[in-house]
Amino acid sequence: MTARLILLAASLFGTLGVALGAFGAHGYKRYLEAAMSAADAATRLGTYETAVRYQFYHALALLAVAVLRLLRPELPWLGTVAWLFVGGIVLFSGSLYLLSFTGIRWFGPITPIGGVLFLAGWGLLFVAALRLP
C-alpha cells in the first residue's frame, strides 16, 4: 500500500471515528435508552464505544505508518502493516458496530478475526523495527 493510500485510509477512518463517536454520544445513546432496558442499552453502547475507540487508535496508527512509508519508501512491509490495520478496523470495529446496531450475536465471532489482524499488524511492525539499522 502506498503512503498516499495509507494516508487516505487514515483520514477516512479518523473522520468516521469522530463522526461515529459524536453520533454515539448524542443520538444513538438517546435512541438506545428510549428503545430498550437500561442494561441492554448500556451493553450496546459499550460495544459501540469499543468499536469507535479501536477504530480511532488504528486510524492514528495508520497515520504513523503513512509517515514512516514516506520517510522509508524502501520498506515494503509497511504496506502490509497498513493492510492488516485496515482489515482489523473493518472486521473488528465493523462487526462491533453491526452487533451494537442489530443485537444479532452472529456478528460477535467476527470480532476476534479483526483483533488477530490488529495483532499481526503490530507484530509485523515490531519485527520489522528490530531489523532497522
Protein backbone atom coordinates (compact mmCIF):
# COMPACT_ATOMS: atom_id res chain seq x y z
CA MET A 1 0.00 0.00 0.00
CA THR A 2 1.41 3.38 -0.95
CA ALA A 3 1.91 6.24 1.51
CA ARG A 4 -0.87 8.16 -0.26
CA LEU A 5 -3.34 5.29 0.07
CA ILE A 6 -2.39 4.73 3.71
CA LEU A 7 -2.90 8.44 4.43
CA LEU A 8 -6.28 8.36 2.67
CA ALA A 9 -7.32 5.35 4.77
CA ALA A 10 -6.10 7.04 7.97
CA SER A 11 -8.00 10.23 7.22
CA LEU A 12 -11.16 8.35 6.23
CA PHE A 13 -11.16 6.15 9.34
CA GLY A 14 -10.27 9.15 11.53
CA THR A 15 -13.11 11.22 10.11
CA LEU A 16 -15.55 8.36 10.52
CA GLY A 17 -14.27 7.81 14.06
CA VAL A 18 -15.07 11.39 15.03
CA ALA A 19 -18.47 11.28 13.33
CA LEU A 20 -19.43 7.91 14.79
CA GLY A 21 -18.18 8.93 18.22
CA ALA A 22 -20.32 12.07 18.17
CA PHE A 23 -23.32 10.09 16.91
CA GLY A 24 -22.87 7.54 19.69
CA ALA A 25 -22.53 10.15 22.42
CA HIS A 26 -25.63 12.03 21.33
CA GLY A 27 -28.24 10.46 19.06
CA TYR A 28 -27.51 6.76 19.42
CA LYS A 29 -27.32 6.86 23.21
CA ARG A 30 -30.71 8.56 23.46
CA TYR A 31 -32.22 6.12 20.97
CA LEU A 32 -30.94 3.10 22.91
CA GLU A 33 -32.13 4.45 26.24
CA ALA A 34 -35.62 5.03 24.83
CA ALA A 35 -35.83 1.73 22.92
CA MET A 36 -34.71 -0.86 25.48
CA SER A 37 -33.90 -1.59 29.10
CA ALA A 38 -31.12 0.38 30.75
CA ALA A 39 -28.93 -2.73 30.99
CA ASP A 40 -29.35 -3.63 27.31
CA ALA A 41 -28.76 -0.01 26.28
CA ALA A 42 -25.58 0.15 28.36
CA THR A 43 -24.30 -3.11 26.85
CA ARG A 44 -24.92 -1.97 23.29
CA LEU A 45 -23.45 1.46 23.93
CA GLY A 46 -20.36 -0.10 25.49
CA THR A 47 -19.92 -2.32 22.44
CA TYR A 48 -20.33 0.70 20.17
CA GLU A 49 -17.80 2.76 22.15
CA THR A 50 -15.26 -0.08 21.94
CA ALA A 51 -15.68 -0.12 18.15
CA VAL A 52 -15.11 3.65 17.92
CA ARG A 53 -12.11 3.54 20.26
CA TYR A 54 -10.29 0.79 18.35
CA GLN A 55 -11.12 2.40 15.02
CA PHE A 56 -9.59 5.64 16.24
CA TYR A 57 -6.48 4.00 17.69
CA HIS A 58 -5.81 2.32 14.39
CA ALA A 59 -6.60 5.40 12.30
CA LEU A 60 -3.80 7.10 14.25
CA ALA A 61 -1.59 4.05 13.77
CA LEU A 62 -2.25 4.23 10.02
CA LEU A 63 -1.23 7.89 10.09
CA ALA A 64 2.08 6.91 11.69
CA VAL A 65 2.59 4.13 9.14
CA ALA A 66 1.92 6.62 6.31
CA VAL A 67 4.61 8.94 7.67
CA LEU A 68 7.04 6.03 8.03
CA ARG A 69 6.24 4.95 4.47
CA LEU A 70 7.06 8.46 3.24
CA LEU A 71 10.32 8.51 5.19
CA ARG A 72 11.31 4.94 4.33
CA PRO A 73 9.73 4.05 0.96
CA GLU A 74 12.16 1.16 0.57
CA LEU A 75 10.41 -0.75 3.38
CA PRO A 76 7.59 -2.65 1.65
CA TRP A 77 6.40 -4.33 4.87
CA LEU A 78 4.86 -1.03 5.92
CA GLY A 79 2.23 -1.53 3.24
CA THR A 80 1.41 -4.94 4.70
CA VAL A 81 1.12 -3.44 8.18
CA ALA A 82 -1.33 -0.87 6.79
CA TRP A 83 -3.46 -3.57 5.12
CA LEU A 84 -3.57 -5.53 8.38
CA PHE A 85 -4.73 -2.44 10.27
CA VAL A 86 -7.38 -1.63 7.64
CA GLY A 87 -8.64 -5.22 7.72
CA GLY A 88 -8.66 -5.10 11.51
CA ILE A 89 -10.73 -1.92 11.54
CA VAL A 90 -13.24 -3.33 9.08
CA LEU A 91 -13.63 -6.69 10.83
CA PHE A 92 -13.14 -5.70 14.49
CA SER A 93 -14.90 -2.35 14.61
CA GLY A 94 -17.30 -3.18 11.79
CA SER A 95 -18.56 -6.34 13.49
CA LEU A 96 -18.98 -4.48 16.78
CA TYR A 97 -20.96 -1.71 15.05
CA LEU A 98 -23.22 -4.31 13.48
CA LEU A 99 -23.61 -6.15 16.78
CA SER A 100 -24.47 -2.89 18.53
CA PHE A 101 -26.99 -1.78 15.90
CA THR A 102 -28.72 -5.10 15.36
CA GLY A 103 -28.19 -7.11 18.53
CA ILE A 104 -27.52 -10.12 16.30
CA ARG A 105 -24.95 -12.18 18.18
CA TRP A 106 -23.75 -13.83 14.95
CA PHE A 107 -21.53 -10.77 14.34
CA GLY A 108 -19.63 -11.38 17.60
CA PRO A 109 -17.42 -14.22 16.34
CA ILE A 110 -16.11 -11.98 13.53
CA THR A 111 -14.61 -9.53 16.02
CA PRO A 112 -11.65 -11.72 17.08
CA ILE A 113 -10.59 -12.11 13.44
CA GLY A 114 -10.18 -8.34 13.29
CA GLY A 115 -8.31 -8.47 16.60
CA VAL A 116 -5.90 -11.02 15.16
CA LEU A 117 -5.29 -8.71 12.19
CA PHE A 118 -4.51 -5.86 14.60
CA LEU A 119 -2.09 -8.10 16.49
CA ALA A 120 -0.46 -9.28 13.26
CA GLY A 121 0.00 -5.67 12.14
CA TRP A 122 1.59 -4.63 15.42
CA GLY A 123 3.70 -7.79 15.49
CA LEU A 124 4.96 -7.23 11.95
CA LEU A 125 5.78 -3.64 12.83
CA PHE A 126 7.75 -4.85 15.86
CA VAL A 127 9.70 -7.47 13.90
CA ALA A 128 10.42 -5.00 11.12
CA ALA A 129 11.62 -2.40 13.64
CA LEU A 130 14.09 -4.94 15.01
CA ARG A 131 15.59 -5.17 11.54
CA LEU A 132 16.15 -1.43 11.17
CA PRO A 133 19.72 -0.18 11.47
